[in-house]
């Protein structure tokens, strides 16, 4: 669980993967994107669009607000 809602997506994603012991490859597979894209998100080189955020929320049963940094926990 992250504290504070002013976090960047790369931090939110990194913490989510770590807390849930999910590899970048598994995460990518479950939401239907390439692992390289997840790597770009983790490094802050890109941010997910609507379809990816929706896929994350559905695949992991986590509110999109969490990934958007609007909610502190899932």
PDB file of N, CA and C in Angstrom:
ATOM      1  N   UNK A   1       0.844  -1.170   0.000  1.00  0.00           N
ATOM      2  CA  UNK A   1       0.000   0.000   0.000  1.00  0.00           C
ATOM      3  C   UNK A   1       0.896   1.241   0.000  1.00  0.00           C
ATOM      4  N   UNK A   2       0.552   2.190  -0.835  1.00  0.00           N
ATOM      5  CA  UNK A   2       1.326   3.412  -0.946  1.00  0.00           C
ATOM      6  C   UNK A   2       0.717   4.513  -0.098  1.00  0.00           C
ATOM      7  N   UNK A   3       1.548   5.376   0.378  1.00  0.00           N
ATOM      8  CA  UNK A   3       1.053   6.496   1.154  1.00  0.00           C
ATOM      9  C   UNK A   3       1.188   7.768   0.336  1.00  0.00           C
ATOM     10  N   UNK A   4       0.161   8.579   0.344  1.00  0.00           N
ATOM     11  CA  UNK A   4       0.166   9.814  -0.417  1.00  0.00           C
ATOM     12  C   UNK A   4      -0.291   9.563  -1.838  1.00  0.00           C
ATOM     13  N   UNK A   5      -1.028  10.500  -2.370  1.00  0.00           N
ATOM     14  CA  UNK A   5      -1.570  10.293  -3.703  1.00  0.00           C
ATOM     15  C   UNK A   5      -0.884  11.146  -4.762  1.00  0.00           C
ATOM     16  N   UNK A   6       0.237  11.740  -4.446  1.00  0.00           N
ATOM     17  CA  UNK A   6       0.957  12.555  -5.413  1.00  0.00           C
ATOM     18  C   UNK A   6       2.091  11.782  -6.066  1.00  0.00           C
ATOM     19  N   UNK A   7       1.955  10.472  -6.112  1.00  0.00           N
ATOM     20  CA  UNK A   7       2.995   9.635  -6.681  1.00  0.00           C
ATOM     21  C   UNK A   7       2.879   9.545  -8.196  1.00  0.00           C
ATOM     22  N   UNK A   8       4.003   9.369  -8.839  1.00  0.00           N
ATOM     23  CA  UNK A   8       4.013   9.167 -10.281  1.00  0.00           C
ATOM     24  C   UNK A   8       3.608   7.737 -10.592  1.00  0.00           C
ATOM     25  N   UNK A   9       3.098   7.529 -11.803  1.00  0.00           N
ATOM     26  CA  UNK A   9       2.661   6.199 -12.188  1.00  0.00           C
ATOM     27  C   UNK A   9       3.792   5.186 -12.080  1.00  0.00           C
ATOM     28  N   UNK A  10       5.008   5.567 -12.462  1.00  0.00           N
ATOM     29  CA  UNK A  10       6.115   4.610 -12.418  1.00  0.00           C
ATOM     30  C   UNK A  10       6.325   4.069 -10.997  1.00  0.00           C
ATOM     31  N   UNK A  11       6.142   4.912  -9.995  1.00  0.00           N
ATOM     32  CA  UNK A  11       6.287   4.493  -8.603  1.00  0.00           C
ATOM     33  C   UNK A  11       5.133   3.597  -8.189  1.00  0.00           C
ATOM     34  N   UNK A  12       3.928   3.980  -8.573  1.00  0.00           N
ATOM     35  CA  UNK A  12       2.745   3.187  -8.252  1.00  0.00           C
ATOM     36  C   UNK A  12       2.870   1.794  -8.854  1.00  0.00           C
ATOM     37  N   UNK A  13       3.248   1.718 -10.121  1.00  0.00           N
ATOM     38  CA  UNK A  13       3.381   0.429 -10.791  1.00  0.00           C
ATOM     39  C   UNK A  13       4.480  -0.417 -10.163  1.00  0.00           C
ATOM     40  N   UNK A  14       5.616   0.169  -9.924  1.00  0.00           N
ATOM     41  CA  UNK A  14       6.730  -0.574  -9.324  1.00  0.00           C
ATOM     42  C   UNK A  14       6.344  -1.168  -7.981  1.00  0.00           C
ATOM     43  N   UNK A  15       5.678  -0.370  -7.146  1.00  0.00           N
ATOM     44  CA  UNK A  15       5.253  -0.851  -5.838  1.00  0.00           C
ATOM     45  C   UNK A  15       4.201  -1.943  -5.966  1.00  0.00           C
ATOM     46  N   UNK A  16       3.270  -1.782  -6.902  1.00  0.00           N
ATOM     47  CA  UNK A  16       2.237  -2.795  -7.096  1.00  0.00           C
ATOM     48  C   UNK A  16       2.869  -4.129  -7.492  1.00  0.00           C
ATOM     49  N   UNK A  17       3.795  -4.094  -8.428  1.00  0.00           N
ATOM     50  CA  UNK A  17       4.453  -5.322  -8.876  1.00  0.00           C
ATOM     51  C   UNK A  17       5.219  -5.971  -7.732  1.00  0.00           C
ATOM     52  N   UNK A  18       5.928  -5.168  -6.965  1.00  0.00           N
ATOM     53  CA  UNK A  18       6.724  -5.684  -5.849  1.00  0.00           C
ATOM     54  C   UNK A  18       5.831  -6.283  -4.768  1.00  0.00           C
ATOM     55  N   UNK A  19       4.801  -5.537  -4.360  1.00  0.00           N
ATOM     56  CA  UNK A  19       3.911  -6.000  -3.293  1.00  0.00           C
ATOM     57  C   UNK A  19       3.195  -7.290  -3.652  1.00  0.00           C
ATOM     58  N   UNK A  20       2.898  -7.462  -4.935  1.00  0.00           N
ATOM     59  CA  UNK A  20       2.139  -8.630  -5.384  1.00  0.00           C
ATOM     60  C   UNK A  20       3.016  -9.696  -6.025  1.00  0.00           C
ATOM     61  N   UNK A  21       4.334  -9.481  -5.988  1.00  0.00           N
ATOM     62  CA  UNK A  21       5.307 -10.426  -6.537  1.00  0.00           C
ATOM     63  C   UNK A  21       4.950 -10.845  -7.968  1.00  0.00           C
ATOM     64  N   UNK A  22       4.711  -9.831  -8.798  1.00  0.00           N
ATOM     65  CA  UNK A  22       4.369 -10.044 -10.201  1.00  0.00           C
ATOM     66  C   UNK A  22       5.529  -9.528 -11.055  1.00  0.00           C
ATOM     67  N   UNK A  23       5.981 -10.351 -11.980  1.00  0.00           N
ATOM     68  CA  UNK A  23       7.044  -9.895 -12.879  1.00  0.00           C
ATOM     69  C   UNK A  23       6.461  -8.971 -13.942  1.00  0.00           C
ATOM     70  N   UNK A  24       7.310  -8.162 -14.528  1.00  0.00           N
ATOM     71  CA  UNK A  24       6.880  -7.288 -15.614  1.00  0.00           C
ATOM     72  C   UNK A  24       6.273  -8.108 -16.742  1.00  0.00           C
ATOM     73  N   UNK A  25       6.871  -9.234 -17.060  1.00  0.00           N
ATOM     74  CA  UNK A  25       6.380 -10.086 -18.148  1.00  0.00           C
ATOM     75  C   UNK A  25       4.996 -10.632 -17.843  1.00  0.00           C
ATOM     76  N   UNK A  26       4.787 -11.109 -16.618  1.00  0.00           N
ATOM     77  CA  UNK A  26       3.473 -11.626 -16.241  1.00  0.00           C
ATOM     78  C   UNK A  26       2.421 -10.519 -16.253  1.00  0.00           C
ATOM     79  N   UNK A  27       2.793  -9.359 -15.748  1.00  0.00           N
ATOM     80  CA  UNK A  27       1.888  -8.221 -15.743  1.00  0.00           C
ATOM     81  C   UNK A  27       1.488  -7.861 -17.174  1.00  0.00           C
ATOM     82  N   UNK A  28       2.478  -7.781 -18.046  1.00  0.00           N
ATOM     83  CA  UNK A  28       2.229  -7.443 -19.452  1.00  0.00           C
ATOM     84  C   UNK A  28       1.296  -8.466 -20.098  1.00  0.00           C
ATOM     85  N   UNK A  29       1.570  -9.727 -19.861  1.00  0.00           N
ATOM     86  CA  UNK A  29       0.753 -10.790 -20.451  1.00  0.00           C
ATOM     87  C   UNK A  29      -0.687 -10.693 -19.981  1.00  0.00           C
ATOM     88  N   UNK A  30      -0.867 -10.439 -18.696  1.00  0.00           N
ATOM     89  CA  UNK A  30      -2.216 -10.403 -18.140  1.00  0.00           C
ATOM     90  C   UNK A  30      -3.048  -9.218 -18.622  1.00  0.00           C
ATOM     91  N   UNK A  31      -2.381  -8.137 -19.022  1.00  0.00           N
ATOM     92  CA  UNK A  31      -3.148  -6.984 -19.511  1.00  0.00           C
ATOM     93  C   UNK A  31      -3.069  -6.831 -21.030  1.00  0.00           C
ATOM     94  N   UNK A  32      -2.326  -7.725 -21.679  1.00  0.00           N
ATOM     95  CA  UNK A  32      -2.302  -7.730 -23.138  1.00  0.00           C
ATOM     96  C   UNK A  32      -1.409  -6.697 -23.799  1.00  0.00           C
ATOM     97  N   UNK A  33      -0.271  -6.388 -23.158  1.00  0.00           N
ATOM     98  CA  UNK A  33       0.700  -5.475 -23.764  1.00  0.00           C
ATOM     99  C   UNK A  33       2.068  -6.155 -23.811  1.00  0.00           C
ATOM    100  N   UNK A  34       2.992  -5.553 -24.512  1.00  0.00           N
ATOM    101  CA  UNK A  34       4.346  -6.106 -24.600  1.00  0.00           C
ATOM    102  C   UNK A  34       5.133  -5.761 -23.340  1.00  0.00           C
ATOM    103  N   UNK A  35       5.999  -6.681 -22.900  1.00  0.00           N
ATOM    104  CA  UNK A  35       6.807  -6.418 -21.701  1.00  0.00           C
ATOM    105  C   UNK A  35       7.634  -5.134 -21.800  1.00  0.00           C
ATOM    106  N   UNK A  36       8.093  -4.815 -22.991  1.00  0.00           N
ATOM    107  CA  UNK A  36       8.875  -3.589 -23.157  1.00  0.00           C
ATOM    108  C   UNK A  36       8.089  -2.338 -22.814  1.00  0.00           C
ATOM    109  N   UNK A  37       6.788  -2.381 -23.057  1.00  0.00           N
ATOM    110  CA  UNK A  37       5.938  -1.241 -22.712  1.00  0.00           C
ATOM    111  C   UNK A  37       5.837  -1.089 -21.204  1.00  0.00           C
ATOM    112  N   UNK A  38       5.696  -2.196 -20.502  1.00  0.00           N
ATOM    113  CA  UNK A  38       5.659  -2.147 -19.029  1.00  0.00           C
ATOM    114  C   UNK A  38       6.987  -1.600 -18.508  1.00  0.00           C
ATOM    115  N   UNK A  39       8.078  -1.995 -19.121  1.00  0.00           N
ATOM    116  CA  UNK A  39       9.390  -1.475 -18.732  1.00  0.00           C
ATOM    117  C   UNK A  39       9.449   0.039 -18.940  1.00  0.00           C
ATOM    118  N   UNK A  40       8.920   0.516 -20.056  1.00  0.00           N
ATOM    119  CA  UNK A  40       8.884   1.969 -20.300  1.00  0.00           C
ATOM    120  C   UNK A  40       8.051   2.677 -19.233  1.00  0.00           C
ATOM    121  N   UNK A  41       6.932   2.069 -18.835  1.00  0.00           N
ATOM    122  CA  UNK A  41       6.112   2.664 -17.772  1.00  0.00           C
ATOM    123  C   UNK A  41       6.883   2.726 -16.472  1.00  0.00           C
ATOM    124  N   UNK A  42       7.577   1.635 -16.134  1.00  0.00           N
ATOM    125  CA  UNK A  42       8.333   1.597 -14.869  1.00  0.00           C
ATOM    126  C   UNK A  42       9.464   2.609 -14.849  1.00  0.00           C
ATOM    127  N   UNK A  43      10.020   2.902 -16.000  1.00  0.00           N
ATOM    128  CA  UNK A  43      11.123   3.867 -16.073  1.00  0.00           C
ATOM    129  C   UNK A  43      10.638   5.296 -16.268  1.00  0.00           C
ATOM    130  N   UNK A  44       9.331   5.483 -16.433  1.00  0.00           N
ATOM    131  CA  UNK A  44       8.790   6.825 -16.603  1.00  0.00           C
ATOM    132  C   UNK A  44       8.918   7.363 -18.009  1.00  0.00           C
ATOM    133  N   UNK A  45       9.251   6.499 -18.968  1.00  0.00           N
ATOM    134  CA  UNK A  45       9.399   6.933 -20.360  1.00  0.00           C
ATOM    135  C   UNK A  45       8.063   7.032 -21.079  1.00  0.00           C
ATOM    136  N   UNK A  46       7.035   6.406 -20.527  1.00  0.00           N
ATOM    137  CA  UNK A  46       5.691   6.431 -21.110  1.00  0.00           C
ATOM    138  C   UNK A  46       4.688   6.219 -19.987  1.00  0.00           C
ATOM    139  N   UNK A  47       3.436   6.522 -20.290  1.00  0.00           N
ATOM    140  CA  UNK A  47       2.354   6.286 -19.342  1.00  0.00           C
ATOM    141  C   UNK A  47       1.256   5.531 -20.068  1.00  0.00           C
ATOM    142  N   UNK A  48       0.528   4.700 -19.333  1.00  0.00           N
ATOM    143  CA  UNK A  48      -0.521   3.916 -19.976  1.00  0.00           C
ATOM    144  C   UNK A  48      -1.712   4.778 -20.389  1.00  0.00           C
ATOM    145  N   UNK A  49      -2.363   4.339 -21.447  1.00  0.00           N
ATOM    146  CA  UNK A  49      -3.581   4.993 -21.894  1.00  0.00           C
ATOM    147  C   UNK A  49      -4.797   4.358 -21.246  1.00  0.00           C
ATOM    148  N   UNK A  50      -5.944   4.826 -21.658  1.00  0.00           N
ATOM    149  CA  UNK A  50      -7.208   4.361 -21.103  1.00  0.00           C
ATOM    150  C   UNK A  50      -7.361   2.846 -21.187  1.00  0.00           C
ATOM    151  N   UNK A  51      -7.126   2.274 -22.368  1.00  0.00           N
ATOM    152  CA  UNK A  51      -7.324   0.833 -22.542  1.00  0.00           C
ATOM    153  C   UNK A  51      -6.420   0.018 -21.623  1.00  0.00           C
ATOM    154  N   UNK A  52      -5.189   0.458 -21.466  1.00  0.00           N
ATOM    155  CA  UNK A  52      -4.257  -0.256 -20.584  1.00  0.00           C
ATOM    156  C   UNK A  52      -4.673  -0.128 -19.125  1.00  0.00           C
ATOM    157  N   UNK A  53      -5.077   1.070 -18.720  1.00  0.00           N
ATOM    158  CA  UNK A  53      -5.528   1.258 -17.341  1.00  0.00           C
ATOM    159  C   UNK A  53      -6.768   0.412 -17.050  1.00  0.00           C
ATOM    160  N   UNK A  54      -7.666   0.357 -18.004  1.00  0.00           N
ATOM    161  CA  UNK A  54      -8.870  -0.454 -17.848  1.00  0.00           C
ATOM    162  C   UNK A  54      -8.502  -1.934 -17.725  1.00  0.00           C
ATOM    163  N   UNK A  55      -7.556  -2.372 -18.553  1.00  0.00           N
ATOM    164  CA  UNK A  55      -7.108  -3.765 -18.511  1.00  0.00           C
ATOM    165  C   UNK A  55      -6.454  -4.092 -17.171  1.00  0.00           C
ATOM    166  N   UNK A  56      -5.664  -3.167 -16.626  1.00  0.00           N
ATOM    167  CA  UNK A  56      -5.032  -3.372 -15.322  1.00  0.00           C
ATOM    168  C   UNK A  56      -6.093  -3.542 -14.241  1.00  0.00           C
ATOM    169  N   UNK A  57      -7.060  -2.649 -14.239  1.00  0.00           N
ATOM    170  CA  UNK A  57      -8.112  -2.689 -13.229  1.00  0.00           C
ATOM    171  C   UNK A  57      -8.879  -4.011 -13.301  1.00  0.00           C
ATOM    172  N   UNK A  58      -9.199  -4.449 -14.508  1.00  0.00           N
ATOM    173  CA  UNK A  58      -9.959  -5.686 -14.670  1.00  0.00           C
ATOM    174  C   UNK A  58      -9.123  -6.923 -14.332  1.00  0.00           C
ATOM    175  N   UNK A  59      -7.899  -6.969 -14.820  1.00  0.00           N
ATOM    176  CA  UNK A  59      -7.055  -8.153 -14.632  1.00  0.00           C
ATOM    177  C   UNK A  59      -6.704  -8.385 -13.168  1.00  0.00           C
ATOM    178  N   UNK A  60      -6.529  -7.323 -12.417  1.00  0.00           N
ATOM    179  CA  UNK A  60      -6.074  -7.461 -11.035  1.00  0.00           C
ATOM    180  C   UNK A  60      -7.136  -7.079 -10.003  1.00  0.00           C
ATOM    181  N   UNK A  61      -8.358  -6.785 -10.489  1.00  0.00           N
ATOM    182  CA  UNK A  61      -9.458  -6.412  -9.614  1.00  0.00           C
ATOM    183  C   UNK A  61      -9.055  -5.275  -8.671  1.00  0.00           C
ATOM    184  N   UNK A  62      -8.455  -4.240  -9.275  1.00  0.00           N
ATOM    185  CA  UNK A  62      -7.969  -3.074  -8.550  1.00  0.00           C
ATOM    186  C   UNK A  62      -8.606  -1.843  -9.186  1.00  0.00           C
ATOM    187  N   UNK A  63      -9.133  -0.920  -8.388  1.00  0.00           N
ATOM    188  CA  UNK A  63      -9.738   0.273  -8.981  1.00  0.00           C
ATOM    189  C   UNK A  63      -8.722   1.060  -9.818  1.00  0.00           C
ATOM    190  N   UNK A  64      -9.161   1.557 -10.945  1.00  0.00           N
ATOM    191  CA  UNK A  64      -8.278   2.366 -11.792  1.00  0.00           C
ATOM    192  C   UNK A  64      -7.761   3.577 -11.022  1.00  0.00           C
ATOM    193  N   UNK A  65      -8.557   4.071 -10.064  1.00  0.00           N
ATOM    194  CA  UNK A  65      -8.120   5.208  -9.249  1.00  0.00           C
ATOM    195  C   UNK A  65      -6.802   4.926  -8.542  1.00  0.00           C
ATOM    196  N   UNK A  66      -6.566   3.682  -8.189  1.00  0.00           N
ATOM    197  CA  UNK A  66      -5.297   3.335  -7.539  1.00  0.00           C
ATOM    198  C   UNK A  66      -4.137   3.575  -8.505  1.00  0.00           C
ATOM    199  N   UNK A  67      -4.254   3.054  -9.721  1.00  0.00           N
ATOM    200  CA  UNK A  67      -3.185   3.205 -10.704  1.00  0.00           C
ATOM    201  C   UNK A  67      -3.023   4.662 -11.144  1.00  0.00           C
ATOM    202  N   UNK A  68      -4.086   5.452 -11.025  1.00  0.00           N
ATOM    203  CA  UNK A  68      -4.025   6.863 -11.374  1.00  0.00           C
ATOM    204  C   UNK A  68      -3.483   7.718 -10.224  1.00  0.00           C
ATOM    205  N   UNK A  69      -3.269   7.101  -9.074  1.00  0.00           N
ATOM    206  CA  UNK A  69      -2.753   7.838  -7.926  1.00  0.00           C
ATOM    207  C   UNK A  69      -3.813   8.634  -7.192  1.00  0.00           C
ATOM    208  N   UNK A  70      -5.094   8.306  -7.424  1.00  0.00           N
ATOM    209  CA  UNK A  70      -6.187   9.026  -6.779  1.00  0.00           C
ATOM    210  C   UNK A  70      -6.661   8.329  -5.504  1.00  0.00           C
ATOM    211  N   UNK A  71      -6.232   7.113  -5.344  1.00  0.00           N
ATOM    212  CA  UNK A  71      -6.620   6.300  -4.183  1.00  0.00           C
ATOM    213  C   UNK A  71      -5.361   5.641  -3.639  1.00  0.00           C
ATOM    214  N   UNK A  72      -5.214   5.637  -2.324  1.00  0.00           N
ATOM    215  CA  UNK A  72      -3.986   5.144  -1.703  1.00  0.00           C
ATOM    216  C   UNK A  72      -3.856   3.630  -1.649  1.00  0.00           C
ATOM    217  N   UNK A  73      -4.968   2.928  -1.682  1.00  0.00           N
ATOM    218  CA  UNK A  73      -4.864   1.474  -1.577  1.00  0.00           C
ATOM    219  C   UNK A  73      -5.840   0.800  -2.507  1.00  0.00           C
ATOM    220  N   UNK A  74      -5.691  -0.475  -2.594  1.00  0.00           N
ATOM    221  CA  UNK A  74      -6.562  -1.268  -3.458  1.00  0.00           C
ATOM    222  C   UNK A  74      -7.137  -2.373  -2.648  1.00  0.00           C
TER     223      UNK A  74
END
